Amino acid sequence: MKRLFQSLAAWPLPLLHAVGAVLGWLAFLASPTYRRRFLANAAQAGYAWREVRSAVAEAGKLLGEVPRLWFGYTPPVRWEGEERILAARALGRGVVCLTPHLGCFEVTAQAFGARFGHITVLYRPARKAWLRELVDTARNRPNLSAAPATLPGVRQMLKALRAGEAIGLLPDQVPPHGLGVWAPFFGSPAYTMTLAGRLAQQTGAPLLLFWGERLPRGQGYCIHVRDWVGEQPVDPAAAARQLNENMEALVRECPGQYLWGYARYKQPREAGAA
């Protein structure tokens, strides 16, 4: 599998996106479960089919671009709002970068590391043994480290913040049982991580919101940087509600690139479950 990914990494990004778009539609048409979840999640957020139709192909592009992002060189990237990063870094307390399943979230960390300095990203280790070695090593690049979603991984992120570095998380990913609380996401209860708020409170690191817009015809990406809106409540339930409100605001910027097929409202698995 690793050799296949390394071979595909040499393909031009427009071709990878074209193949990925086809795969996205095949998955949508072939899987009733995925299709129902996609449509239900979009409807829950108040979107009609015509407003999210493009997200079917975009989900496939997400898969198609992975070999290039893991094993090739970073595609062209431009920034919108980078002055927010410079201001946050100037505080010297590290930066907590939050990126939902919107657009290309893989490229945000790569581009951040290449431009602004070291960043450590949290990832969930693959549950399939044949994927584990690939996923565990593919994201590591100069100025980019991957920390597993385990206690040692959390300590690694805390250490990075205390050293004044940045960390990155996917805050709309369902955490294991006991590591989150239930909070509304587009009006429906979703199990929501509390880690981002805890890390920010322990270190005083500012929170910033990111999403990587996938540009048409494989031209690359535009990374949008947004300020966190609101205070940072100490109460976990209030903090989770505020986190989801900030994520909703990002998704509404471009619902056609959100991963609506993700099982956002599922029950959390037990911590350490295989």
Protein backbone atom coordinates (compact mmCIF):
# COMPACT_ATOMS: atom_id res chain seq x y z
CA MET A 1 0.00 0.00 0.00
CA LYS A 2 2.83 2.41 0.84
CA ARG A 3 4.45 1.80 -2.55
CA LEU A 4 1.13 2.48 -4.28
CA PHE A 5 0.72 5.76 -2.42
CA GLN A 6 4.29 6.76 -3.25
CA SER A 7 3.64 6.04 -6.93
CA LEU A 8 0.40 8.04 -6.96
CA ALA A 9 2.18 10.96 -5.26
CA ALA A 10 3.88 11.72 -8.57
CA TRP A 11 0.55 12.28 -10.34
CA PRO A 12 -0.49 15.91 -10.96
CA LEU A 13 -3.01 17.24 -8.48
CA PRO A 14 -5.72 17.93 -11.14
CA LEU A 15 -5.62 14.26 -12.14
CA LEU A 16 -5.76 13.05 -8.53
CA HIS A 17 -8.74 15.32 -7.89
CA ALA A 18 -10.49 14.12 -11.05
CA VAL A 19 -10.08 10.47 -10.07
CA GLY A 20 -11.10 11.28 -6.52
CA ALA A 21 -14.28 13.03 -7.68
CA VAL A 22 -15.32 9.90 -9.57
CA LEU A 23 -14.61 7.76 -6.51
CA GLY A 24 -16.67 10.13 -4.38
CA TRP A 25 -19.72 9.70 -6.59
CA LEU A 26 -19.24 5.94 -6.81
CA ALA A 27 -19.19 5.69 -3.02
CA PHE A 28 -22.27 7.91 -2.72
CA LEU A 29 -24.26 5.88 -5.25
CA ALA A 30 -23.09 2.45 -4.08
CA SER A 31 -23.58 2.84 -0.33
CA PRO A 32 -27.13 3.50 0.92
CA THR A 33 -25.82 3.93 4.48
CA TYR A 34 -23.28 6.57 3.49
CA ARG A 35 -25.82 8.33 1.25
CA ARG A 36 -28.48 8.47 3.98
CA ARG A 37 -25.99 9.82 6.52
CA PHE A 38 -24.69 12.44 4.09
CA LEU A 39 -28.19 13.70 3.28
CA ALA A 40 -29.39 13.53 6.90
CA ASN A 41 -26.41 15.48 8.24
CA ALA A 42 -26.79 18.16 5.58
CA ALA A 43 -30.54 18.44 6.23
CA GLN A 44 -29.90 18.68 9.97
CA ALA A 45 -27.75 21.73 9.25
CA GLY A 46 -30.50 23.24 7.09
CA TYR A 47 -29.00 22.63 3.64
CA ALA A 48 -30.84 21.52 0.52
CA TRP A 49 -29.31 19.02 -1.90
CA ARG A 50 -28.36 21.69 -4.42
CA GLU A 51 -26.28 23.46 -1.74
CA VAL A 52 -24.20 20.41 -0.80
CA ARG A 53 -24.17 18.38 -4.01
CA SER A 54 -20.59 19.37 -4.74
CA ALA A 55 -19.51 17.87 -1.40
CA VAL A 56 -19.97 14.38 -2.89
CA ALA A 57 -17.09 14.92 -5.30
CA GLU A 58 -15.10 16.91 -2.73
CA ALA A 59 -15.16 13.94 -0.35
CA GLY A 60 -13.61 11.84 -3.10
CA LYS A 61 -10.99 14.50 -3.80
CA LEU A 62 -10.07 14.29 -0.13
CA LEU A 63 -9.12 10.66 -0.70
CA GLY A 64 -7.48 11.29 -4.06
CA GLU A 65 -5.11 13.98 -2.79
CA VAL A 66 -3.81 11.96 0.18
CA PRO A 67 -0.89 10.28 -1.67
CA ARG A 68 0.36 13.65 -2.89
CA LEU A 69 0.07 15.24 0.54
CA TRP A 70 1.66 12.33 2.40
CA PHE A 71 4.45 11.39 0.00
CA GLY A 72 4.81 14.21 -2.55
CA TYR A 73 5.65 17.86 -2.27
CA THR A 74 3.06 20.29 -0.94
CA PRO A 75 0.87 21.75 -3.73
CA PRO A 76 0.58 25.54 -4.20
CA VAL A 77 -0.90 27.24 -1.14
CA ARG A 78 -1.94 30.81 -0.48
CA TRP A 79 -3.00 32.29 2.84
CA GLU A 80 -5.91 34.49 3.88
CA GLY A 81 -5.68 35.91 7.39
CA GLU A 82 -2.08 34.96 8.15
CA GLU A 83 -1.66 38.13 10.22
CA ARG A 84 -3.75 36.37 12.89
CA ILE A 85 -1.12 33.65 13.13
CA LEU A 86 1.70 36.17 13.49
CA ALA A 87 -0.19 37.99 16.26
CA ALA A 88 -0.92 34.74 18.12
CA ARG A 89 2.68 33.52 17.87
CA ALA A 90 3.96 36.85 19.16
CA LEU A 91 2.34 36.08 22.53
CA GLY A 92 4.85 33.26 23.04
CA ARG A 93 2.37 30.79 24.51
CA GLY A 94 1.96 28.51 21.51
CA VAL A 95 -1.12 28.31 19.29
CA VAL A 96 -4.02 25.83 19.28
CA CYS A 97 -5.05 25.41 15.63
CA LEU A 98 -8.54 23.97 15.12
CA THR A 99 -9.56 22.57 11.73
CA PRO A 100 -12.88 20.79 11.06
CA HIS A 101 -13.53 18.21 8.33
CA LEU A 102 -13.85 21.05 5.85
CA GLY A 103 -11.93 21.26 2.59
CA CYS A 104 -8.42 19.82 2.80
CA PHE A 105 -7.49 19.64 6.47
CA GLU A 106 -4.28 17.69 5.74
CA VAL A 107 -2.71 20.62 3.88
CA THR A 108 -3.28 23.15 6.67
CA ALA A 109 -0.72 21.57 9.01
CA GLN A 110 1.83 20.99 6.25
CA ALA A 111 1.59 24.56 5.04
CA PHE A 112 1.69 25.93 8.59
CA GLY A 113 4.90 24.03 9.34
CA ALA A 114 6.52 25.17 6.11
CA ARG A 115 5.72 28.83 6.73
CA PHE A 116 5.39 29.49 10.46
CA GLY A 117 7.42 26.87 12.34
CA HIS A 118 6.89 23.55 14.04
CA ILE A 119 3.40 22.16 14.58
CA THR A 120 2.29 18.93 16.26
CA VAL A 121 -0.99 17.43 15.07
CA LEU A 122 -3.17 14.92 16.89
CA TYR A 123 -4.27 11.87 14.91
CA ARG A 124 -6.20 8.70 15.64
CA PRO A 125 -4.09 5.57 15.04
CA ALA A 126 -5.50 3.30 12.34
CA ARG A 127 -7.54 0.40 13.66
CA LYS A 128 -6.51 -1.89 10.78
CA ALA A 129 -3.03 -3.37 11.26
CA TRP A 130 -2.13 -3.07 7.56
CA LEU A 131 -2.85 0.67 7.65
CA ARG A 132 -1.20 1.43 10.97
CA GLU A 133 2.42 1.68 9.80
CA LEU A 134 1.39 3.82 6.82
CA VAL A 135 -0.70 6.28 8.84
CA ASP A 136 1.72 6.42 11.77
CA THR A 137 4.64 7.58 9.61
CA ALA A 138 3.21 9.32 6.53
CA ARG A 139 2.39 12.67 8.16
CA ASN A 140 5.81 13.34 9.65
CA ARG A 141 7.61 16.05 7.66
CA PRO A 142 10.05 18.84 8.47
CA ASN A 143 8.41 21.09 11.08
CA LEU A 144 5.44 18.68 11.33
CA SER A 145 5.04 15.94 13.93
CA ALA A 146 2.09 13.62 14.50
CA ALA A 147 0.98 12.69 18.00
CA PRO A 148 -1.37 9.73 18.57
CA ALA A 149 -4.67 10.32 20.37
CA THR A 150 -3.36 8.66 23.52
CA LEU A 151 -2.17 9.95 26.89
CA PRO A 152 1.47 10.11 25.70
CA GLY A 153 0.26 11.96 22.59
CA VAL A 154 -1.59 14.53 24.70
CA ARG A 155 1.54 15.03 26.80
CA GLN A 156 3.50 15.58 23.59
CA MET A 157 1.06 18.32 22.57
CA LEU A 158 1.17 19.95 25.97
CA LYS A 159 4.97 19.97 25.82
CA ALA A 160 4.84 21.60 22.37
CA LEU A 161 2.56 24.39 23.60
CA ARG A 162 4.77 25.06 26.61
CA ALA A 163 7.70 25.38 24.20
CA GLY A 164 5.77 28.10 22.34
CA GLU A 165 4.95 25.87 19.36
CA ALA A 166 1.64 25.22 17.59
CA ILE A 167 -0.60 22.18 17.81
CA GLY A 168 -3.43 21.10 15.51
CA LEU A 169 -6.66 19.21 16.19
CA LEU A 170 -9.79 18.12 14.33
CA PRO A 171 -12.40 19.31 16.86
CA ASP A 172 -15.42 17.85 15.06
CA GLN A 173 -13.99 14.31 15.32
CA VAL A 174 -15.85 12.09 17.78
CA PRO A 175 -13.49 11.42 20.73
CA PRO A 176 -13.45 8.16 22.71
CA HIS A 177 -15.91 7.75 25.56
CA GLY A 178 -14.91 9.80 28.61
CA LEU A 179 -12.89 12.33 26.60
CA GLY A 180 -15.78 14.56 25.60
CA VAL A 181 -19.26 15.80 26.44
CA TRP A 182 -22.53 16.00 24.52
CA ALA A 183 -23.17 19.40 22.95
CA PRO A 184 -25.37 20.68 20.09
CA PHE A 185 -23.87 20.64 16.61
CA PHE A 186 -26.25 22.12 14.06
CA GLY A 187 -29.02 21.58 16.60
CA SER A 188 -28.44 17.89 17.35
CA PRO A 189 -26.43 16.40 20.26
CA ALA A 190 -22.92 15.41 19.20
CA TYR A 191 -20.20 13.98 21.39
CA THR A 192 -17.58 16.75 21.42
CA MET A 193 -13.95 16.82 22.52
CA THR A 194 -12.90 18.84 25.55
CA LEU A 195 -9.15 18.50 24.92
CA ALA A 196 -8.72 21.73 22.94
CA GLY A 197 -10.18 23.87 25.72
CA ARG A 198 -8.21 22.10 28.43
CA LEU A 199 -4.91 22.57 26.61
CA ALA A 200 -5.63 26.24 25.98
CA GLN A 201 -6.56 26.83 29.63
CA GLN A 202 -3.48 25.04 30.97
CA THR A 203 -1.05 26.98 28.80
CA GLY A 204 -2.79 30.25 27.97
CA ALA A 205 -2.36 29.47 24.26
CA PRO A 206 -4.76 31.33 21.94
CA LEU A 207 -7.21 29.40 19.76
CA LEU A 208 -7.30 29.96 16.00
CA LEU A 209 -9.62 28.45 13.40
CA PHE A 210 -8.34 27.14 10.05
CA TRP A 211 -9.76 25.56 6.94
CA GLY A 212 -8.10 24.71 3.65
CA GLU A 213 -10.24 25.59 0.66
CA ARG A 214 -9.70 23.23 -2.26
CA LEU A 215 -9.34 25.45 -5.34
CA PRO A 216 -10.95 24.41 -8.65
CA ARG A 217 -9.14 22.43 -11.35
CA GLY A 218 -6.39 21.31 -8.99
CA GLN A 219 -4.86 24.78 -8.70
CA GLY A 220 -3.94 24.20 -5.07
CA TYR A 221 -5.42 25.52 -1.83
CA CYS A 222 -6.31 28.69 0.03
CA ILE A 223 -5.96 28.43 3.79
CA HIS A 224 -8.39 30.66 5.66
CA VAL A 225 -7.53 31.71 9.21
CA ARG A 226 -10.26 32.94 11.55
CA ASP A 227 -10.29 34.27 15.10
CA TRP A 228 -11.95 32.26 17.85
CA VAL A 229 -15.30 33.86 18.72
CA GLY A 230 -16.20 34.18 22.40
CA GLU A 231 -14.48 33.51 25.69
CA GLN A 232 -13.15 30.11 26.77
CA PRO A 233 -15.56 28.77 29.44
CA VAL A 234 -14.14 26.59 32.19
CA ASP A 235 -17.31 24.49 32.31
CA PRO A 236 -16.81 21.58 29.84
CA ALA A 237 -20.39 21.63 28.55
CA ALA A 238 -20.30 25.37 27.89
CA ALA A 239 -16.86 25.07 26.27
CA ALA A 240 -18.08 22.27 23.98
CA ARG A 241 -21.10 24.31 22.92
CA GLN A 242 -18.87 27.23 22.06
CA LEU A 243 -16.46 24.99 20.18
CA ASN A 244 -19.27 23.62 18.04
CA GLU A 245 -20.61 27.10 17.37
CA ASN A 246 -17.21 28.12 16.03
CA MET A 247 -17.05 24.98 13.88
CA GLU A 248 -20.54 25.64 12.51
CA ALA A 249 -19.48 29.14 11.46
CA LEU A 250 -16.58 27.69 9.46
CA VAL A 251 -18.75 25.06 7.78
CA ARG A 252 -21.23 27.74 6.72
CA GLU A 253 -18.44 29.50 4.83
CA CYS A 254 -18.32 26.59 2.38
CA PRO A 255 -20.87 23.79 2.96
CA GLY A 256 -19.99 22.38 -0.46
CA GLN A 257 -16.62 21.21 0.92
CA TYR A 258 -17.72 19.80 4.27
CA LEU A 259 -17.49 16.07 4.93
CA TRP A 260 -21.23 15.52 5.43
CA GLY A 261 -20.81 11.76 5.26
CA TYR A 262 -18.82 11.70 8.51
CA ALA A 263 -20.71 10.00 11.36
CA ARG A 264 -20.66 13.09 13.55
CA TYR A 265 -23.60 12.04 15.75
CA LYS A 266 -22.49 8.49 16.53
CA GLN A 267 -21.97 7.08 19.99
CA PRO A 268 -18.33 7.34 21.13
CA ARG A 269 -16.30 4.16 21.29
CA GLU A 270 -14.66 3.06 24.51
CA ALA A 271 -11.18 4.49 25.07
CA GLY A 272 -8.59 1.96 23.97
CA ALA A 273 -11.10 -0.11 21.99
CA ALA A 274 -9.75 -1.87 18.95
